[in-house]
C-alpha atoms as a PDB file:
ATOM      1  CA  MET A   1     -15.804   8.704  -3.660  1.00  0.00           C
ATOM      2  CA  GLN A   2     -13.826  10.233  -6.738  1.00  0.00           C
ATOM      3  CA  ARG A   3     -15.953  11.577  -9.339  1.00  0.00           C
ATOM      4  CA  PRO A   4     -15.486   9.854 -12.790  1.00  0.00           C
ATOM      5  CA  ARG A   5     -12.963  11.367 -15.302  1.00  0.00           C
ATOM      6  CA  GLU A   6     -14.518  13.880 -17.669  1.00  0.00           C
ATOM      7  CA  GLY A   7     -16.261  11.832 -20.681  1.00  0.00           C
ATOM      8  CA  THR A   8     -16.616   8.682 -18.747  1.00  0.00           C
ATOM      9  CA  GLN A   9     -19.877   7.027 -19.693  1.00  0.00           C
ATOM     10  CA  GLY A  10     -22.245   5.832 -16.809  1.00  0.00           C
ATOM     11  CA  THR A  11     -22.142   2.188 -18.096  1.00  0.00           C
ATOM     12  CA  GLU A  12     -18.175   2.431 -17.826  1.00  0.00           C
ATOM     13  CA  TYR A  13     -18.480   3.957 -14.376  1.00  0.00           C
ATOM     14  CA  GLN A  14     -20.774   1.359 -13.251  1.00  0.00           C
ATOM     15  CA  LYS A  15     -18.332  -1.525 -14.467  1.00  0.00           C
ATOM     16  CA  ILE A  16     -15.497   0.167 -12.620  1.00  0.00           C
ATOM     17  CA  LEU A  17     -17.706   0.171  -9.417  1.00  0.00           C
ATOM     18  CA  LEU A  18     -18.645  -3.514  -9.897  1.00  0.00           C
ATOM     19  CA  TRP A  19     -14.970  -4.389 -10.384  1.00  0.00           C
ATOM     20  CA  ARG A  20     -14.184  -2.600  -7.185  1.00  0.00           C
ATOM     21  CA  LEU A  21     -16.837  -4.615  -5.195  1.00  0.00           C
ATOM     22  CA  ASP A  22     -15.409  -7.717  -7.029  1.00  0.00           C
ATOM     23  CA  LEU A  23     -11.919  -7.089  -5.610  1.00  0.00           C
ATOM     24  CA  ARG A  24     -13.125  -6.108  -2.301  1.00  0.00           C
ATOM     25  CA  GLY A  25     -14.988  -9.436  -2.054  1.00  0.00           C
ATOM     26  CA  ARG A  26     -11.971 -11.325  -3.315  1.00  0.00           C
ATOM     27  CA  ILE A  27      -9.620  -9.822  -0.697  1.00  0.00           C
ATOM     28  CA  SER A  28     -12.102 -10.152   2.073  1.00  0.00           C
ATOM     29  CA  ALA A  29     -12.315 -13.809   1.204  1.00  0.00           C
ATOM     30  CA  LEU A  30      -8.802 -13.930   1.579  1.00  0.00           C
ATOM     31  CA  PHE A  31      -8.864 -13.072   5.226  1.00  0.00           C
ATOM     32  CA  GLY A  32     -11.022 -15.996   5.960  1.00  0.00           C
ATOM     33  CA  THR A  33      -7.889 -17.933   5.895  1.00  0.00           C
ATOM     34  CA  VAL A  34      -5.098 -15.537   7.060  1.00  0.00           C
ATOM     35  CA  ASP A  35      -5.054 -12.933   9.695  1.00  0.00           C
ATOM     36  CA  LEU A  36      -2.650 -10.631   7.864  1.00  0.00           C
ATOM     37  CA  LEU A  37      -1.040 -10.010   4.611  1.00  0.00           C
ATOM     38  CA  LEU A  38       2.453  -8.904   4.237  1.00  0.00           C
ATOM     39  CA  ALA A  39       3.340  -7.063   1.023  1.00  0.00           C
ATOM     40  CA  PRO A  40       5.875  -4.573  -0.247  1.00  0.00           C
ATOM     41  CA  VAL A  41       4.955  -0.783  -0.322  1.00  0.00           C
ATOM     42  CA  HIS A  42       6.868  -0.449  -3.739  1.00  0.00           C
ATOM     43  CA  PRO A  43       7.828  -2.565  -6.353  1.00  0.00           C
ATOM     44  CA  PHE A  44      11.476  -1.153  -6.519  1.00  0.00           C
ATOM     45  CA  ALA A  45      13.866   0.667  -4.305  1.00  0.00           C
ATOM     46  CA  PRO A  46      13.145   3.913  -2.693  1.00  0.00           C
ATOM     47  CA  LEU A  47      13.109   7.046  -5.001  1.00  0.00           C
ATOM     48  CA  THR A  48      15.760   9.498  -4.620  1.00  0.00           C
ATOM     49  CA  LEU A  49      14.805  13.141  -4.025  1.00  0.00           C
ATOM     50  CA  ALA A  50      15.693  14.043  -7.387  1.00  0.00           C
ATOM     51  CA  THR A  51      13.340  11.544  -8.979  1.00  0.00           C
ATOM     52  CA  ILE A  52      10.580  12.523  -6.412  1.00  0.00           C
ATOM     53  CA  ARG A  53      11.098  16.230  -7.514  1.00  0.00           C
ATOM     54  CA  THR A  54       9.961  14.948 -11.282  1.00  0.00           C
ATOM     55  CA  LEU A  55       6.932  12.968 -10.195  1.00  0.00           C
ATOM     56  CA  GLY A  56       4.739  15.346 -11.676  1.00  0.00           C
ATOM     57  CA  GLU A  57       6.359  14.839 -15.226  1.00  0.00           C
ATOM     58  CA  GLN A  58       6.306  10.892 -14.815  1.00  0.00           C
ATOM     59  CA  PRO A  59       2.354   9.795 -14.445  1.00  0.00           C
ATOM     60  CA  GLU A  60       3.752   6.203 -15.369  1.00  0.00           C
ATOM     61  CA  LEU A  61       6.098   6.249 -12.178  1.00  0.00           C
ATOM     62  CA  ILE A  62       3.078   7.421  -9.895  1.00  0.00           C
ATOM     63  CA  ALA A  63       1.176   4.425 -11.186  1.00  0.00           C
ATOM     64  CA  LYS A  64       3.993   2.133 -10.264  1.00  0.00           C
ATOM     65  CA  LEU A  65       4.201   3.996  -6.749  1.00  0.00           C
ATOM     66  CA  GLN A  66       0.596   2.950  -6.133  1.00  0.00           C
ATOM     67  CA  ARG A  67       0.778  -0.641  -7.405  1.00  0.00           C
ATOM     68  CA  HIS A  68       0.789  -2.255  -4.090  1.00  0.00           C
ATOM     69  CA  THR A  69      -0.816   0.219  -1.996  1.00  0.00           C
ATOM     70  CA  CYS A  70      -3.912   1.278  -4.167  1.00  0.00           C
ATOM     71  CA  PRO A  71      -5.841  -2.192  -4.052  1.00  0.00           C
ATOM     72  CA  PHE A  72      -6.222  -1.778  -0.403  1.00  0.00           C
ATOM     73  CA  ASP A  73      -7.192   1.927  -0.565  1.00  0.00           C
ATOM     74  CA  MET A  74     -10.065   0.826  -3.267  1.00  0.00           C
ATOM     75  CA  THR A  75     -11.320  -1.732  -0.956  1.00  0.00           C
ATOM     76  CA  GLY A  76     -11.151  -0.227   2.389  1.00  0.00           C
ATOM     77  CA  HIS A  77      -8.776  -2.803   4.065  1.00  0.00           C
ATOM     78  CA  PRO A  78      -6.542  -1.143   6.547  1.00  0.00           C
ATOM     79  CA  ALA A  79      -2.887  -1.210   6.107  1.00  0.00           C
ATOM     80  CA  LEU A  80       0.143  -0.067   8.136  1.00  0.00           C
ATOM     81  CA  THR A  81       3.544   0.528   6.621  1.00  0.00           C
ATOM     82  CA  LEU A  82       6.578  -0.182   8.725  1.00  0.00           C
ATOM     83  CA  PRO A  83      10.387   0.083   8.233  1.00  0.00           C
ATOM     84  CA  GLY A  84      12.238  -3.138   7.197  1.00  0.00           C
ATOM     85  CA  GLY A  85      15.588  -2.192   5.975  1.00  0.00           C
ATOM     86  CA  PHE A  86      17.760  -0.264   3.711  1.00  0.00           C
ATOM     87  CA  SER A  87      18.254  -0.593   0.138  1.00  0.00           C
ATOM     88  CA  ALA A  88      21.965  -0.950  -1.333  1.00  0.00           C
ATOM     89  CA  GLY A  89      21.911   2.544  -1.839  1.00  0.00           C
ATOM     90  CA  GLY A  90      21.120   3.251   1.981  1.00  0.00           C
ATOM     91  CA  LEU A  91      17.446   4.470   1.354  1.00  0.00           C
ATOM     92  CA  PRO A  92      15.125   2.905   3.743  1.00  0.00           C
ATOM     93  CA  ILE A  93      12.859   0.219   2.613  1.00  0.00           C
ATOM     94  CA  GLY A  94       9.288  -0.575   4.007  1.00  0.00           C
ATOM     95  CA  PHE A  95       6.542  -3.162   3.860  1.00  0.00           C
ATOM     96  CA  GLN A  96       3.028  -3.013   4.498  1.00  0.00           C
ATOM     97  CA  LEU A  97       0.663  -5.294   6.868  1.00  0.00           C
ATOM     98  CA  VAL A  98      -2.654  -5.301   5.624  1.00  0.00           C
ATOM     99  CA  ALA A  99      -5.879  -6.723   7.744  1.00  0.00           C
ATOM    100  CA  ALA A 100      -9.393  -7.396   7.349  1.00  0.00           C
ATOM    101  CA  ARG A 101     -11.856  -4.751   7.168  1.00  0.00           C
ATOM    102  CA  LEU A 102     -12.192  -3.259  10.394  1.00  0.00           C
ATOM    103  CA  GLY A 103      -9.304  -5.234  11.425  1.00  0.00           C
ATOM    104  CA  GLU A 104      -7.329  -2.052  12.897  1.00  0.00           C
ATOM    105  CA  ALA A 105      -6.779  -3.454  16.416  1.00  0.00           C
ATOM    106  CA  THR A 106      -5.185  -6.723  14.905  1.00  0.00           C
ATOM    107  CA  LEU A 107      -2.953  -4.503  12.621  1.00  0.00           C
ATOM    108  CA  ILE A 108      -1.755  -2.259  15.203  1.00  0.00           C
ATOM    109  CA  ARG A 109      -0.976  -5.104  17.672  1.00  0.00           C
ATOM    110  CA  ALA A 110       1.145  -6.831  14.643  1.00  0.00           C
ATOM    111  CA  GLY A 111       2.957  -3.543  14.073  1.00  0.00           C
ATOM    112  CA  ALA A 112       3.649  -2.946  18.035  1.00  0.00           C
ATOM    113  CA  ALA A 113       4.884  -6.653  18.270  1.00  0.00           C
ATOM    114  CA  PHE A 114       7.136  -6.376  15.106  1.00  0.00           C
ATOM    115  CA  GLN A 115       8.630  -3.029  16.454  1.00  0.00           C
ATOM    116  CA  ALA A 116       9.256  -4.634  20.182  1.00  0.00           C
ATOM    117  CA  VAL A 117      11.300  -7.281  18.517  1.00  0.00           C
ATOM    118  CA  THR A 118      13.339  -5.158  15.914  1.00  0.00           C
ATOM    119  CA  SER A 119      15.046  -1.917  15.841  1.00  0.00           C
ATOM    120  CA  TRP A 120      14.372  -1.011  12.179  1.00  0.00           C
ATOM    121  CA  HIS A 121      12.090   2.122  13.413  1.00  0.00           C
ATOM    122  CA  ARG A 122      15.020   3.451  15.506  1.00  0.00           C
ATOM    123  CA  ARG A 123      17.654   3.167  12.357  1.00  0.00           C
ATOM    124  CA  ARG A 124      18.552   6.211  10.124  1.00  0.00           C
ATOM    125  CA  PRO A 125      19.616   6.105   6.815  1.00  0.00           C
ATOM    126  CA  PRO A 126      23.538   7.099   6.598  1.00  0.00           C
ATOM    127  CA  ALA A 127      24.211  10.743   6.111  1.00  0.00           C
END
């Protein structure tokens, strides 16, 4: 587990841990009614290489990049990212499948089934 930032009070850190447990419980409850969750990887089109080079100067962009993946990192729910198309600019777009905790087998079977009936994983962006 990551150490709290410098100056974080013990009570504040405890609140963060409790929030994380609550989030884990809410997402786990969701999997009582669904087998998999389909979600975007990013809330916008893929970044260009020029933008990626400047990520260290844009903490707000880093936060936006993690918006749809971080919740599952926090809760320990397994996720699989798959290619699913291209943006108008020709850059690849992915989506993620998320499974219940310890549901990696279901996740991998679903990813394999998707790739068996599509060819997105074989396509390359235009040069």
